Amino acid sequence: MTYLDRLQDAAVLAERAAVAGQYTEVIGQRTDPAVIGGLHRVADALYIFPPLDRPLGLRRNLVETVVPVSGWVLFCLAVLLAVPNPAQPWVLAATITGGAIVAGLLSALVDLAWDRCSARTLAAGGRPETVEDLIATIRSRLVSIAATLETHHDDTRQRIDYSLYWLDVAEQAATGPSR
């Protein structure tokens, strides 16, 4: 397993911890936003590929584009076929405006459904751990990766240092005086 694979695994673990923290708010518990934000920053810093190049990013973008556009087209076709005189300007304007509203609602619905399913999947992934345990696991993985890096990997070392800083912020917020 290369250090890039290990970085990707640490990024996925950080994202899983952040989403698990967000999901606890859905079920009535409260996680400090600094913990969630710090873990998201760690995940973003460690991902090798930008968000659109991640496998789920492409699929999600496709679904979020196709569903609203299809809904808009189907709404327009249904209205234009149902109205007796569809060539009137007010019918066309109302159809286009209504289609835009339907597309916006479908887009929000798809986004909400995707986020909820992703949150449940990520939060349920693996064994149940506390946020503090996940932060400690991520920290140990990053330290072990940094220890095995060769000297010419300055960019990766900077990413790890940045991630360790945000892990410190998240850990301080998780174990701070409010707990």
C-alpha atoms as a PDB file:
ATOM      1  CA  MET A   1       0.000   0.000   0.000  1.00  0.00           C
ATOM      2  CA  THR A   2       1.564   3.295  -1.078  1.00  0.00           C
ATOM      3  CA  TYR A   3       1.543   6.469   0.954  1.00  0.00           C
ATOM      4  CA  LEU A   4      -1.033   7.919  -1.477  1.00  0.00           C
ATOM      5  CA  ASP A   5      -3.408   5.060  -0.695  1.00  0.00           C
ATOM      6  CA  ARG A   6      -2.814   5.597   3.004  1.00  0.00           C
ATOM      7  CA  LEU A   7      -3.547   9.322   2.603  1.00  0.00           C
ATOM      8  CA  GLN A   8      -6.778   8.503   0.789  1.00  0.00           C
ATOM      9  CA  ASP A   9      -7.775   6.108   3.591  1.00  0.00           C
ATOM     10  CA  ALA A  10      -7.058   8.784   6.200  1.00  0.00           C
ATOM     11  CA  ALA A  11      -9.120  11.277   4.172  1.00  0.00           C
ATOM     12  CA  VAL A  12     -12.064   8.888   4.008  1.00  0.00           C
ATOM     13  CA  LEU A  13     -11.788   8.264   7.748  1.00  0.00           C
ATOM     14  CA  ALA A  14     -11.746  12.024   8.434  1.00  0.00           C
ATOM     15  CA  GLU A  15     -14.785  12.533   6.217  1.00  0.00           C
ATOM     16  CA  ARG A  16     -16.554   9.626   7.923  1.00  0.00           C
ATOM     17  CA  ALA A  17     -15.840  11.179  11.326  1.00  0.00           C
ATOM     18  CA  ALA A  18     -17.129  14.591  10.200  1.00  0.00           C
ATOM     19  CA  VAL A  19     -20.310  13.149   8.720  1.00  0.00           C
ATOM     20  CA  ALA A  20     -20.833  10.985  11.792  1.00  0.00           C
ATOM     21  CA  GLY A  21     -20.620  14.165  13.875  1.00  0.00           C
ATOM     22  CA  GLN A  22     -23.160  15.847  11.643  1.00  0.00           C
ATOM     23  CA  TYR A  23     -25.434  12.830  11.754  1.00  0.00           C
ATOM     24  CA  THR A  24     -25.483  12.879  15.560  1.00  0.00           C
ATOM     25  CA  GLU A  25     -27.158  16.287  15.313  1.00  0.00           C
ATOM     26  CA  VAL A  26     -29.916  14.725  13.228  1.00  0.00           C
ATOM     27  CA  ILE A  27     -30.675  12.230  16.010  1.00  0.00           C
ATOM     28  CA  GLY A  28     -30.685  14.882  18.729  1.00  0.00           C
ATOM     29  CA  GLN A  29     -27.123  14.986  20.032  1.00  0.00           C
ATOM     30  CA  ARG A  30     -24.838  17.973  19.590  1.00  0.00           C
ATOM     31  CA  THR A  31     -21.347  17.979  18.107  1.00  0.00           C
ATOM     32  CA  ASP A  32     -19.284  21.163  18.209  1.00  0.00           C
ATOM     33  CA  PRO A  33     -19.159  22.767  14.721  1.00  0.00           C
ATOM     34  CA  ALA A  34     -15.402  23.301  15.146  1.00  0.00           C
ATOM     35  CA  VAL A  35     -14.962  19.527  15.356  1.00  0.00           C
ATOM     36  CA  ILE A  36     -16.958  18.970  12.182  1.00  0.00           C
ATOM     37  CA  GLY A  37     -15.242  21.829  10.352  1.00  0.00           C
ATOM     38  CA  GLY A  38     -11.784  20.698  11.418  1.00  0.00           C
ATOM     39  CA  LEU A  39     -12.420  17.154  10.247  1.00  0.00           C
ATOM     40  CA  HIS A  40     -13.775  18.383   6.902  1.00  0.00           C
ATOM     41  CA  ARG A  41     -10.630  20.477   6.436  1.00  0.00           C
ATOM     42  CA  VAL A  42      -8.483  17.439   7.210  1.00  0.00           C
ATOM     43  CA  ALA A  43     -10.382  15.373   4.620  1.00  0.00           C
ATOM     44  CA  ASP A  44     -10.113  18.122   1.992  1.00  0.00           C
ATOM     45  CA  ALA A  45      -6.386  18.535   2.611  1.00  0.00           C
ATOM     46  CA  LEU A  46      -5.694  14.809   2.356  1.00  0.00           C
ATOM     47  CA  TYR A  47      -7.715  13.944  -0.738  1.00  0.00           C
ATOM     48  CA  ILE A  48      -5.382  13.409  -3.649  1.00  0.00           C
ATOM     49  CA  PHE A  49      -8.004  14.165  -6.278  1.00  0.00           C
ATOM     50  CA  PRO A  50     -10.302  17.194  -6.348  1.00  0.00           C
ATOM     51  CA  PRO A  51     -13.945  16.562  -5.350  1.00  0.00           C
ATOM     52  CA  LEU A  52     -15.218  16.202  -8.933  1.00  0.00           C
ATOM     53  CA  ASP A  53     -12.678  13.492  -9.700  1.00  0.00           C
ATOM     54  CA  ARG A  54     -13.806  11.334  -6.800  1.00  0.00           C
ATOM     55  CA  PRO A  55     -15.972   8.429  -7.964  1.00  0.00           C
ATOM     56  CA  LEU A  56     -19.068   9.547  -6.044  1.00  0.00           C
ATOM     57  CA  GLY A  57     -18.627  13.160  -7.159  1.00  0.00           C
ATOM     58  CA  LEU A  58     -19.157  12.352 -10.826  1.00  0.00           C
ATOM     59  CA  ARG A  59     -22.182  10.168 -10.154  1.00  0.00           C
ATOM     60  CA  ARG A  60     -23.764  12.737  -7.866  1.00  0.00           C
ATOM     61  CA  ASN A  61     -23.218  15.564 -10.355  1.00  0.00           C
ATOM     62  CA  LEU A  62     -24.780  13.478 -13.103  1.00  0.00           C
ATOM     63  CA  VAL A  63     -27.860  12.676 -11.013  1.00  0.00           C
ATOM     64  CA  GLU A  64     -28.202  16.272  -9.784  1.00  0.00           C
ATOM     65  CA  THR A  65     -28.133  17.479 -13.391  1.00  0.00           C
ATOM     66  CA  VAL A  66     -30.240  14.864 -15.158  1.00  0.00           C
ATOM     67  CA  VAL A  67     -33.134  14.645 -12.679  1.00  0.00           C
ATOM     68  CA  PRO A  68     -34.024  18.384 -12.589  1.00  0.00           C
ATOM     69  CA  VAL A  69     -33.612  18.827 -16.345  1.00  0.00           C
ATOM     70  CA  SER A  70     -35.745  15.748 -16.999  1.00  0.00           C
ATOM     71  CA  GLY A  71     -38.361  17.037 -14.565  1.00  0.00           C
ATOM     72  CA  TRP A  72     -38.393  20.415 -16.287  1.00  0.00           C
ATOM     73  CA  VAL A  73     -38.812  18.838 -19.737  1.00  0.00           C
ATOM     74  CA  LEU A  74     -41.528  16.445 -18.577  1.00  0.00           C
ATOM     75  CA  PHE A  75     -43.413  19.242 -16.801  1.00  0.00           C
ATOM     76  CA  CYS A  76     -43.279  21.442 -19.908  1.00  0.00           C
ATOM     77  CA  LEU A  77     -44.408  18.611 -22.159  1.00  0.00           C
ATOM     78  CA  ALA A  78     -47.274  17.675 -19.857  1.00  0.00           C
ATOM     79  CA  VAL A  79     -48.522  21.262 -19.615  1.00  0.00           C
ATOM     80  CA  LEU A  80     -48.178  21.943 -23.336  1.00  0.00           C
ATOM     81  CA  LEU A  81     -50.035  18.731 -24.193  1.00  0.00           C
ATOM     82  CA  ALA A  82     -52.796  19.362 -21.643  1.00  0.00           C
ATOM     83  CA  VAL A  83     -53.522  22.996 -22.574  1.00  0.00           C
ATOM     84  CA  PRO A  84     -55.944  23.472 -25.519  1.00  0.00           C
ATOM     85  CA  ASN A  85     -53.984  26.362 -27.122  1.00  0.00           C
ATOM     86  CA  PRO A  86     -50.323  26.021 -26.097  1.00  0.00           C
ATOM     87  CA  ALA A  87     -49.044  28.690 -28.525  1.00  0.00           C
ATOM     88  CA  GLN A  88     -50.321  31.604 -26.430  1.00  0.00           C
ATOM     89  CA  PRO A  89     -47.491  33.624 -24.859  1.00  0.00           C
ATOM     90  CA  TRP A  90     -48.846  33.417 -21.316  1.00  0.00           C
ATOM     91  CA  VAL A  91     -49.027  29.609 -21.563  1.00  0.00           C
ATOM     92  CA  LEU A  92     -45.426  29.401 -22.736  1.00  0.00           C
ATOM     93  CA  ALA A  93     -44.250  31.798 -20.017  1.00  0.00           C
ATOM     94  CA  ALA A  94     -46.176  29.947 -17.318  1.00  0.00           C
ATOM     95  CA  THR A  95     -44.855  26.608 -18.583  1.00  0.00           C
ATOM     96  CA  ILE A  96     -41.227  27.741 -18.560  1.00  0.00           C
ATOM     97  CA  THR A  97     -41.582  29.380 -15.134  1.00  0.00           C
ATOM     98  CA  GLY A  98     -43.394  26.378 -13.666  1.00  0.00           C
ATOM     99  CA  GLY A  99     -40.803  24.047 -15.147  1.00  0.00           C
ATOM    100  CA  ALA A 100     -38.026  26.082 -13.539  1.00  0.00           C
ATOM    101  CA  ILE A 101     -39.774  25.860 -10.164  1.00  0.00           C
ATOM    102  CA  VAL A 102     -40.249  22.093 -10.540  1.00  0.00           C
ATOM    103  CA  ALA A 103     -36.583  21.706 -11.551  1.00  0.00           C
ATOM    104  CA  GLY A 104     -35.461  23.690  -8.504  1.00  0.00           C
ATOM    105  CA  LEU A 105     -37.614  21.606  -6.184  1.00  0.00           C
ATOM    106  CA  LEU A 106     -36.376  18.366  -7.748  1.00  0.00           C
ATOM    107  CA  SER A 107     -32.783  19.530  -7.410  1.00  0.00           C
ATOM    108  CA  ALA A 108     -33.264  20.320  -3.727  1.00  0.00           C
ATOM    109  CA  LEU A 109     -35.023  16.982  -3.182  1.00  0.00           C
ATOM    110  CA  VAL A 110     -32.254  14.991  -4.888  1.00  0.00           C
ATOM    111  CA  ASP A 111     -29.594  16.902  -2.934  1.00  0.00           C
ATOM    112  CA  LEU A 112     -31.381  16.293   0.372  1.00  0.00           C
ATOM    113  CA  ALA A 113     -31.947  12.594  -0.327  1.00  0.00           C
ATOM    114  CA  TRP A 114     -28.336  12.094  -1.433  1.00  0.00           C
ATOM    115  CA  ASP A 115     -26.956  13.882   1.636  1.00  0.00           C
ATOM    116  CA  ARG A 116     -29.129  11.901   4.044  1.00  0.00           C
ATOM    117  CA  CYS A 117     -28.212   8.589   2.451  1.00  0.00           C
ATOM    118  CA  SER A 118     -24.525   9.535   2.403  1.00  0.00           C
ATOM    119  CA  ALA A 119     -24.638  10.626   6.036  1.00  0.00           C
ATOM    120  CA  ARG A 120     -26.295   7.400   7.140  1.00  0.00           C
ATOM    121  CA  THR A 121     -23.900   5.294   5.092  1.00  0.00           C
ATOM    122  CA  LEU A 122     -20.793   7.110   6.278  1.00  0.00           C
ATOM    123  CA  ALA A 123     -21.940   7.249   9.887  1.00  0.00           C
ATOM    124  CA  ALA A 124     -22.791   3.553   9.880  1.00  0.00           C
ATOM    125  CA  GLY A 125     -19.581   2.536   8.129  1.00  0.00           C
ATOM    126  CA  GLY A 126     -17.239   0.552  10.328  1.00  0.00           C
ATOM    127  CA  ARG A 127     -17.541   0.064  14.035  1.00  0.00           C
ATOM    128  CA  PRO A 128     -19.087   2.721  16.271  1.00  0.00           C
ATOM    129  CA  GLU A 129     -16.418   4.985  17.710  1.00  0.00           C
ATOM    130  CA  THR A 130     -16.398   8.313  19.441  1.00  0.00           C
ATOM    131  CA  VAL A 131     -15.138  11.372  17.615  1.00  0.00           C
ATOM    132  CA  GLU A 132     -12.145  11.503  19.959  1.00  0.00           C
ATOM    133  CA  ASP A 133     -11.199   7.913  19.021  1.00  0.00           C
ATOM    134  CA  LEU A 134     -11.483   8.706  15.317  1.00  0.00           C
ATOM    135  CA  ILE A 135      -9.317  11.809  15.738  1.00  0.00           C
ATOM    136  CA  ALA A 136      -6.681   9.739  17.546  1.00  0.00           C
ATOM    137  CA  THR A 137      -6.783   7.097  14.792  1.00  0.00           C
ATOM    138  CA  ILE A 138      -6.425   9.710  12.047  1.00  0.00           C
ATOM    139  CA  ARG A 139      -3.550  11.373  13.937  1.00  0.00           C
ATOM    140  CA  SER A 140      -1.676   8.080  14.344  1.00  0.00           C
ATOM    141  CA  ARG A 141      -2.099   7.277  10.651  1.00  0.00           C
ATOM    142  CA  LEU A 142      -0.841  10.694   9.590  1.00  0.00           C
ATOM    143  CA  VAL A 143       2.148  10.520  11.903  1.00  0.00           C
ATOM    144  CA  SER A 144       3.063   7.083  10.567  1.00  0.00           C
ATOM    145  CA  ILE A 145       2.751   8.321   6.962  1.00  0.00           C
ATOM    146  CA  ALA A 146       4.912  11.359   7.734  1.00  0.00           C
ATOM    147  CA  ALA A 147       7.533   9.134   9.332  1.00  0.00           C
ATOM    148  CA  THR A 148       7.853   6.992   6.206  1.00  0.00           C
ATOM    149  CA  LEU A 149       7.929   9.838   3.680  1.00  0.00           C
ATOM    150  CA  GLU A 150      11.074  10.485   1.734  1.00  0.00           C
ATOM    151  CA  THR A 151      12.636  13.944   1.844  1.00  0.00           C
ATOM    152  CA  HIS A 152      11.467  15.059  -1.608  1.00  0.00           C
ATOM    153  CA  HIS A 153       7.746  14.844  -0.705  1.00  0.00           C
ATOM    154  CA  ASP A 154       7.472  18.390   0.642  1.00  0.00           C
ATOM    155  CA  ASP A 155       3.957  18.942  -0.704  1.00  0.00           C
ATOM    156  CA  THR A 156       2.645  15.843   1.030  1.00  0.00           C
ATOM    157  CA  ARG A 157       4.445  16.785   4.235  1.00  0.00           C
ATOM    158  CA  GLN A 158       2.779  20.235   4.113  1.00  0.00           C
ATOM    159  CA  ARG A 159      -0.625  18.589   3.631  1.00  0.00           C
ATOM    160  CA  ILE A 160      -0.004  16.363   6.631  1.00  0.00           C
ATOM    161  CA  ASP A 161       1.144  19.313   8.778  1.00  0.00           C
ATOM    162  CA  TYR A 162      -1.959  21.279   7.743  1.00  0.00           C
ATOM    163  CA  SER A 163      -4.137  18.284   8.556  1.00  0.00           C
ATOM    164  CA  LEU A 164      -2.477  17.788  11.935  1.00  0.00           C
ATOM    165  CA  TYR A 165      -3.148  21.438  12.759  1.00  0.00           C
ATOM    166  CA  TRP A 166      -6.867  21.011  11.992  1.00  0.00           C
ATOM    167  CA  LEU A 167      -6.925  17.775  13.958  1.00  0.00           C
ATOM    168  CA  ASP A 168      -5.592  19.752  16.920  1.00  0.00           C
ATOM    169  CA  VAL A 169      -8.392  22.295  16.470  1.00  0.00           C
ATOM    170  CA  ALA A 170     -11.017  19.547  16.239  1.00  0.00           C
ATOM    171  CA  GLU A 171      -9.587  17.725  19.253  1.00  0.00           C
ATOM    172  CA  GLN A 172      -9.521  20.880  21.370  1.00  0.00           C
ATOM    173  CA  ALA A 173     -13.144  21.561  20.448  1.00  0.00           C
ATOM    174  CA  ALA A 174     -14.145  17.951  21.153  1.00  0.00           C
ATOM    175  CA  THR A 175     -12.472  17.818  24.560  1.00  0.00           C
ATOM    176  CA  GLY A 176     -12.877  21.500  25.427  1.00  0.00           C
ATOM    177  CA  PRO A 177     -14.511  23.019  28.515  1.00  0.00           C
ATOM    178  CA  SER A 178     -18.043  22.670  27.076  1.00  0.00           C
ATOM    179  CA  ARG A 179     -17.825  18.886  27.462  1.00  0.00           C
END
